[in-house]
PDB file of all heavy atoms in Angstrom:
ATOM      1  N   GLU A   1       9.074   8.799  10.531  1.00  0.00           N
ATOM      2  CA  GLU A   1       9.905   9.864  10.072  1.00  0.00           C
ATOM      3  C   GLU A   1       9.217  10.551   8.888  1.00  0.00           C
ATOM      4  O   GLU A   1       8.290  10.001   8.205  1.00  0.00           O
ATOM      5  CB  GLU A   1      11.252   9.527   9.479  1.00  0.00           C
ATOM      6  CG  GLU A   1      12.156   8.846  10.684  1.00  0.00           C
ATOM      7  CD  GLU A   1      13.478   8.256  10.179  1.00  0.00           C
ATOM      8  OE1 GLU A   1      13.677   8.358   8.944  1.00  0.00           O
ATOM      9  OE2 GLU A   1      14.283   7.766  10.913  1.00  0.00           O
ATOM     10  N   ARG A   2       9.394  11.834   8.733  1.00  0.00           N
ATOM     11  CA  ARG A   2       8.933  12.473   7.546  1.00  0.00           C
ATOM     12  C   ARG A   2       9.633  12.108   6.244  1.00  0.00           C
ATOM     13  O   ARG A   2      10.663  11.347   6.367  1.00  0.00           O
ATOM     14  CB  ARG A   2       8.932  14.016   7.729  1.00  0.00           C
ATOM     15  CG  ARG A   2       8.070  14.527   8.786  1.00  0.00           C
ATOM     16  CD  ARG A   2       8.243  15.972   8.892  1.00  0.00           C
ATOM     17  NE  ARG A   2       7.324  16.542  10.049  1.00  0.00           N
ATOM     18  CZ  ARG A   2       6.059  16.902   9.809  1.00  0.00           C
ATOM     19  NH1 ARG A   2       5.572  16.758   8.680  1.00  0.00           N
ATOM     20  NH2 ARG A   2       5.373  17.452  10.880  1.00  0.00           N
ATOM     21  N   GLY A   3       9.132  12.571   5.119  1.00  0.00           N
ATOM     22  CA  GLY A   3       9.938  12.429   3.842  1.00  0.00           C
ATOM     23  C   GLY A   3       9.811  10.965   3.285  1.00  0.00           C
ATOM     24  O   GLY A   3       8.682  10.551   3.072  1.00  0.00           O
ATOM     25  N   ARG A   4      10.922  10.287   3.223  1.00  0.00           N
ATOM     26  CA  ARG A   4      10.952   8.914   2.522  1.00  0.00           C
ATOM     27  C   ARG A   4      10.209   7.956   3.212  1.00  0.00           C
ATOM     28  O   ARG A   4       9.414   7.214   2.496  1.00  0.00           O
ATOM     29  CB  ARG A   4      12.467   8.509   2.390  1.00  0.00           C
ATOM     30  CG  ARG A   4      12.560   7.152   1.616  1.00  0.00           C
ATOM     31  CD  ARG A   4      13.981   6.805   1.682  1.00  0.00           C
ATOM     32  NE  ARG A   4      14.458   6.425   3.023  1.00  0.00           N
ATOM     33  CZ  ARG A   4      14.139   5.389   3.618  1.00  0.00           C
ATOM     34  NH1 ARG A   4      13.403   4.367   3.074  1.00  0.00           N
ATOM     35  NH2 ARG A   4      14.645   5.131   4.909  1.00  0.00           N
ATOM     36  N   VAL A   5      10.057   7.898   4.538  1.00  0.00           N
ATOM     37  CA  VAL A   5       9.305   6.800   5.244  1.00  0.00           C
ATOM     38  C   VAL A   5       7.870   7.060   4.871  1.00  0.00           C
ATOM     39  O   VAL A   5       7.099   6.002   4.627  1.00  0.00           O
ATOM     40  CB  VAL A   5       9.506   6.891   6.729  1.00  0.00           C
ATOM     41  CG1 VAL A   5       8.548   6.021   7.456  1.00  0.00           C
ATOM     42  CG2 VAL A   5      10.970   6.630   7.023  1.00  0.00           C
ATOM     43  N   VAL A   6       7.341   8.306   4.914  1.00  0.00           N
ATOM     44  CA  VAL A   6       5.965   8.537   4.663  1.00  0.00           C
ATOM     45  C   VAL A   6       5.663   8.246   3.220  1.00  0.00           C
ATOM     46  O   VAL A   6       4.616   7.691   2.878  1.00  0.00           O
ATOM     47  CB  VAL A   6       5.659   9.984   4.898  1.00  0.00           C
ATOM     48  CG1 VAL A   6       4.280  10.377   4.481  1.00  0.00           C
ATOM     49  CG2 VAL A   6       5.827  10.462   6.364  1.00  0.00           C
ATOM     50  N   THR A   7       6.598   8.494   2.296  1.00  0.00           N
ATOM     51  CA  THR A   7       6.333   8.261   0.876  1.00  0.00           C
ATOM     52  C   THR A   7       6.177   6.738   0.674  1.00  0.00           C
ATOM     53  O   THR A   7       5.448   6.258  -0.100  1.00  0.00           O
ATOM     54  CB  THR A   7       7.462   8.679   0.098  1.00  0.00           C
ATOM     55  OG1 THR A   7       7.637  10.169   0.293  1.00  0.00           O
ATOM     56  CG2 THR A   7       7.317   8.551  -1.329  1.00  0.00           C
ATOM     57  N   ASP A   8       7.071   6.011   1.412  1.00  0.00           N
ATOM     58  CA  ASP A   8       6.960   4.465   1.257  1.00  0.00           C
ATOM     59  C   ASP A   8       5.710   4.003   1.750  1.00  0.00           C
ATOM     60  O   ASP A   8       5.134   3.118   1.181  1.00  0.00           O
ATOM     61  CB  ASP A   8       8.231   3.902   1.984  1.00  0.00           C
ATOM     62  CG  ASP A   8       9.593   4.219   1.438  1.00  0.00           C
ATOM     63  OD1 ASP A   8       9.622   4.542   0.277  1.00  0.00           O
ATOM     64  OD2 ASP A   8      10.577   3.998   2.092  1.00  0.00           O
ATOM     65  N   LEU A   9       5.274   4.481   2.888  1.00  0.00           N
ATOM     66  CA  LEU A   9       4.015   3.952   3.395  1.00  0.00           C
ATOM     67  C   LEU A   9       2.829   4.282   2.564  1.00  0.00           C
ATOM     68  O   LEU A   9       2.003   3.406   2.203  1.00  0.00           O
ATOM     69  CB  LEU A   9       3.618   4.757   4.740  1.00  0.00           C
ATOM     70  CG  LEU A   9       4.490   4.256   5.947  1.00  0.00           C
ATOM     71  CD1 LEU A   9       4.362   4.993   7.119  1.00  0.00           C
ATOM     72  CD2 LEU A   9       4.292   2.688   6.196  1.00  0.00           C
ATOM     73  N   VAL A  10       2.788   5.540   1.866  1.00  0.00           N
ATOM     74  CA  VAL A  10       1.784   5.989   1.010  1.00  0.00           C
ATOM     75  C   VAL A  10       1.867   5.035  -0.281  1.00  0.00           C
ATOM     76  O   VAL A  10       0.786   4.469  -0.721  1.00  0.00           O
ATOM     77  CB  VAL A  10       1.874   7.358   0.661  1.00  0.00           C
ATOM     78  CG1 VAL A  10       0.827   7.741  -0.510  1.00  0.00           C
ATOM     79  CG2 VAL A  10       1.555   8.190   1.776  1.00  0.00           C
ATOM     80  N   ALA A  11       2.954   4.741  -0.768  1.00  0.00           N
ATOM     81  CA  ALA A  11       3.169   4.027  -1.989  1.00  0.00           C
ATOM     82  C   ALA A  11       2.803   2.493  -1.772  1.00  0.00           C
ATOM     83  O   ALA A  11       2.039   1.897  -2.566  1.00  0.00           O
ATOM     84  CB  ALA A  11       4.734   3.977  -2.424  1.00  0.00           C
ATOM     85  N   LYS A  12       3.097   2.090  -0.574  1.00  0.00           N
ATOM     86  CA  LYS A  12       2.695   0.635  -0.164  1.00  0.00           C
ATOM     87  C   LYS A  12       1.225   0.592  -0.112  1.00  0.00           C
ATOM     88  O   LYS A  12       0.483  -0.361  -0.538  1.00  0.00           O
ATOM     89  CB  LYS A  12       3.285   0.270   1.131  1.00  0.00           C
ATOM     90  CG  LYS A  12       2.963  -1.123   1.524  1.00  0.00           C
ATOM     91  CD  LYS A  12       3.730  -1.386   2.868  1.00  0.00           C
ATOM     92  CE  LYS A  12       3.407  -2.877   3.387  1.00  0.00           C
ATOM     93  NZ  LYS A  12       3.952  -3.197   4.633  1.00  0.00           N
ATOM     94  N   ALA A  13       0.514   1.613   0.376  1.00  0.00           N
ATOM     95  CA  ALA A  13      -0.975   1.617   0.551  1.00  0.00           C
ATOM     96  C   ALA A  13      -1.643   1.653  -0.729  1.00  0.00           C
ATOM     97  O   ALA A  13      -2.572   0.891  -1.156  1.00  0.00           O
ATOM     98  CB  ALA A  13      -1.355   2.736   1.436  1.00  0.00           C
ATOM     99  N   LEU A  14      -1.053   2.536  -1.736  1.00  0.00           N
ATOM    100  CA  LEU A  14      -1.580   2.763  -3.008  1.00  0.00           C
ATOM    101  C   LEU A  14      -1.564   1.408  -3.796  1.00  0.00           C
ATOM    102  O   LEU A  14      -2.316   1.122  -4.542  1.00  0.00           O
ATOM    103  CB  LEU A  14      -0.899   3.793  -3.786  1.00  0.00           C
ATOM    104  CG  LEU A  14      -1.260   5.236  -3.253  1.00  0.00           C
ATOM    105  CD1 LEU A  14      -0.364   6.239  -3.983  1.00  0.00           C
ATOM    106  CD2 LEU A  14      -2.800   5.570  -3.509  1.00  0.00           C
ATOM    107  N   GLN A  15      -0.309   0.679  -3.580  1.00  0.00           N
ATOM    108  CA  GLN A  15      -0.119  -0.590  -4.319  1.00  0.00           C
ATOM    109  C   GLN A  15      -1.186  -1.689  -3.884  1.00  0.00           C
ATOM    110  O   GLN A  15      -1.760  -2.361  -4.587  1.00  0.00           O
ATOM    111  CB  GLN A  15       1.254  -1.181  -3.961  1.00  0.00           C
ATOM    112  CG  GLN A  15       1.527  -2.537  -4.708  1.00  0.00           C
ATOM    113  CD  GLN A  15       1.468  -2.471  -6.213  1.00  0.00           C
ATOM    114  OE1 GLN A  15       1.828  -1.364  -6.825  1.00  0.00           O
ATOM    115  NE2 GLN A  15       1.075  -3.540  -6.819  1.00  0.00           N
ATOM    116  N   ARG A  16      -1.551  -1.684  -2.414  1.00  0.00           N
ATOM    117  CA  ARG A  16      -2.507  -2.689  -2.039  1.00  0.00           C
ATOM    118  C   ARG A  16      -3.844  -2.131  -2.625  1.00  0.00           C
ATOM    119  O   ARG A  16      -4.623  -3.115  -2.938  1.00  0.00           O
ATOM    120  CB  ARG A  16      -2.585  -2.569  -0.510  1.00  0.00           C
ATOM    121  CG  ARG A  16      -1.423  -3.279   0.226  1.00  0.00           C
ATOM    122  CD  ARG A  16      -1.661  -3.586   1.674  1.00  0.00           C
ATOM    123  NE  ARG A  16      -1.793  -2.338   2.375  1.00  0.00           N
ATOM    124  CZ  ARG A  16      -0.745  -1.904   3.085  1.00  0.00           C
ATOM    125  NH1 ARG A  16       0.422  -2.422   2.991  1.00  0.00           N
ATOM    126  NH2 ARG A  16      -0.935  -0.675   3.706  1.00  0.00           N
ATOM    127  N   LYS A  17      -4.132  -0.969  -2.793  1.00  0.00           N
ATOM    128  CA  LYS A  17      -5.394  -0.567  -3.299  1.00  0.00           C
ATOM    129  C   LYS A  17      -5.440  -1.054  -4.879  1.00  0.00           C
ATOM    130  O   LYS A  17      -6.616  -1.504  -5.211  1.00  0.00           O
ATOM    131  CB  LYS A  17      -5.512   1.050  -3.362  1.00  0.00           C
ATOM    132  CG  LYS A  17      -5.549   1.601  -1.959  1.00  0.00           C
ATOM    133  CD  LYS A  17      -7.114   1.620  -1.397  1.00  0.00           C
ATOM    134  CE  LYS A  17      -7.041   2.348  -0.048  1.00  0.00           C
ATOM    135  NZ  LYS A  17      -8.525   2.350   0.482  1.00  0.00           N
ATOM    136  N   LYS A  18      -4.333  -0.950  -5.466  1.00  0.00           N
ATOM    137  CA  LYS A  18      -4.383  -1.261  -6.859  1.00  0.00           C
ATOM    138  C   LYS A  18      -4.645  -2.787  -7.103  1.00  0.00           C
ATOM    139  O   LYS A  18      -5.348  -3.274  -7.881  1.00  0.00           O
ATOM    140  CB  LYS A  18      -3.037  -0.847  -7.478  1.00  0.00           C
ATOM    141  CG  LYS A  18      -2.780  -1.235  -8.884  1.00  0.00           C
ATOM    142  CD  LYS A  18      -1.571  -0.584  -9.539  1.00  0.00           C
ATOM    143  CE  LYS A  18      -1.411  -0.784 -10.990  1.00  0.00           C
ATOM    144  NZ  LYS A  18      -0.095  -0.342 -11.460  1.00  0.00           N
ATOM    145  N   GLU A  19      -4.012  -3.521  -6.208  1.00  0.00           N
ATOM    146  CA  GLU A  19      -4.138  -5.059  -6.247  1.00  0.00           C
ATOM    147  C   GLU A  19      -5.645  -5.441  -5.974  1.00  0.00           C
ATOM    148  O   GLU A  19      -6.110  -6.476  -6.465  1.00  0.00           O
ATOM    149  CB  GLU A  19      -3.238  -5.760  -5.267  1.00  0.00           C
ATOM    150  CG  GLU A  19      -1.758  -5.581  -5.491  1.00  0.00           C
ATOM    151  CD  GLU A  19      -0.964  -6.092  -4.371  1.00  0.00           C
ATOM    152  OE1 GLU A  19      -1.578  -6.616  -3.339  1.00  0.00           O
ATOM    153  OE2 GLU A  19       0.243  -6.125  -4.553  1.00  0.00           O
ATOM    154  N   GLY A  20      -6.253  -4.718  -5.110  1.00  0.00           N
ATOM    155  CA  GLY A  20      -7.687  -4.898  -4.862  1.00  0.00           C
ATOM    156  C   GLY A  20      -7.998  -5.626  -3.680  1.00  0.00           C
ATOM    157  O   GLY A  20      -7.092  -6.402  -3.062  1.00  0.00           O
ATOM    158  N   VAL A  21      -9.294  -5.557  -3.274  1.00  0.00           N
ATOM    159  CA  VAL A  21      -9.739  -6.263  -2.014  1.00  0.00           C
ATOM    160  C   VAL A  21      -9.725  -7.718  -2.271  1.00  0.00           C
ATOM    161  O   VAL A  21      -9.310  -8.502  -1.379  1.00  0.00           O
ATOM    162  CB  VAL A  21     -11.157  -5.783  -1.771  1.00  0.00           C
ATOM    163  CG1 VAL A  21     -11.852  -6.611  -0.611  1.00  0.00           C
ATOM    164  CG2 VAL A  21     -11.204  -4.410  -1.527  1.00  0.00           C
ATOM    165  N   LYS A  22     -10.172  -8.278  -3.487  1.00  0.00           N
ATOM    166  CA  LYS A  22     -10.112  -9.705  -3.693  1.00  0.00           C
ATOM    167  C   LYS A  22      -8.795 -10.484  -3.361  1.00  0.00           C
ATOM    168  O   LYS A  22      -8.843 -11.507  -2.695  1.00  0.00           O
ATOM    169  CB  LYS A  22     -10.639 -10.069  -4.907  1.00  0.00           C
ATOM    170  CG  LYS A  22     -11.188 -11.504  -5.122  1.00  0.00           C
ATOM    171  CD  LYS A  22     -12.311 -11.794  -4.403  1.00  0.00           C
ATOM    172  CE  LYS A  22     -12.965 -13.295  -4.657  1.00  0.00           C
ATOM    173  NZ  LYS A  22     -14.035 -13.508  -3.767  1.00  0.00           N
ATOM    174  N   SER A  23      -7.710  -9.838  -3.837  1.00  0.00           N
ATOM    175  CA  SER A  23      -6.432 -10.440  -3.754  1.00  0.00           C
ATOM    176  C   SER A  23      -5.997 -10.523  -2.303  1.00  0.00           C
ATOM    177  O   SER A  23      -5.554 -11.512  -1.818  1.00  0.00           O
ATOM    178  CB  SER A  23      -5.279  -9.727  -4.592  1.00  0.00           C
ATOM    179  OG  SER A  23      -4.099 -10.202  -4.308  1.00  0.00           O
ATOM    180  N   SER A  24      -6.207  -9.311  -1.628  1.00  0.00           N
ATOM    181  CA  SER A  24      -5.898  -9.316  -0.065  1.00  0.00           C
ATOM    182  C   SER A  24      -6.823 -10.229   0.632  1.00  0.00           C
ATOM    183  O   SER A  24      -6.221 -10.863   1.592  1.00  0.00           O
ATOM    184  CB  SER A  24      -6.136  -7.856   0.293  1.00  0.00           C
ATOM    185  OG  SER A  24      -5.739  -7.823   1.711  1.00  0.00           O
ATOM    186  N   GLN A  25      -8.041 -10.446   0.409  1.00  0.00           N
ATOM    187  CA  GLN A  25      -8.967 -11.266   0.907  1.00  0.00           C
ATOM    188  C   GLN A  25      -8.333 -12.734   0.893  1.00  0.00           C
ATOM    189  O   GLN A  25      -8.469 -13.449   1.738  1.00  0.00           O
ATOM    190  CB  GLN A  25     -10.298 -11.103   0.483  1.00  0.00           C
ATOM    191  CG  GLN A  25     -11.293 -11.842   1.224  1.00  0.00           C
ATOM    192  CD  GLN A  25     -12.658 -11.674   0.658  1.00  0.00           C
ATOM    193  OE1 GLN A  25     -13.037 -12.201  -0.417  1.00  0.00           O
ATOM    194  NE2 GLN A  25     -13.668 -11.040   1.372  1.00  0.00           N
ATOM    195  N   ASN A  26      -8.096 -13.139  -0.296  1.00  0.00           N
ATOM    196  CA  ASN A  26      -7.664 -14.505  -0.686  1.00  0.00           C
ATOM    197  C   ASN A  26      -6.446 -14.883   0.166  1.00  0.00           C
ATOM    198  O   ASN A  26      -6.366 -15.939   0.675  1.00  0.00           O
ATOM    199  CB  ASN A  26      -7.409 -14.680  -2.092  1.00  0.00           C
ATOM    200  CG  ASN A  26      -8.642 -14.733  -2.877  1.00  0.00           C
ATOM    201  OD1 ASN A  26      -9.715 -15.099  -2.360  1.00  0.00           O
ATOM    202  ND2 ASN A  26      -8.610 -14.425  -4.172  1.00  0.00           N
ATOM    203  N   ARG A  27      -5.537 -13.953   0.394  1.00  0.00           N
ATOM    204  CA  ARG A  27      -4.360 -14.168   1.112  1.00  0.00           C
ATOM    205  C   ARG A  27      -4.694 -14.378   2.573  1.00  0.00           C
ATOM    206  O   ARG A  27      -4.120 -15.321   3.183  1.00  0.00           O
ATOM    207  CB  ARG A  27      -3.339 -12.994   1.013  1.00  0.00           C
ATOM    208  CG  ARG A  27      -2.641 -12.995  -0.318  1.00  0.00           C
ATOM    209  CD  ARG A  27      -1.417 -12.034  -0.153  1.00  0.00           C
ATOM    210  NE  ARG A  27      -1.781 -10.595   0.125  1.00  0.00           N
ATOM    211  CZ  ARG A  27      -2.073  -9.729  -0.823  1.00  0.00           C
ATOM    212  NH1 ARG A  27      -1.971 -10.068  -2.112  1.00  0.00           N
ATOM    213  NH2 ARG A  27      -2.404  -8.491  -0.581  1.00  0.00           N
TER     214      ARG A  27
END
């Protein structure tokens, strides 16, 4: 859906970027 769903996806992606590759890789 447009709107809130898209905003949530973008926010989630930005949060993963902020946490960094190393953290995601370790998981």
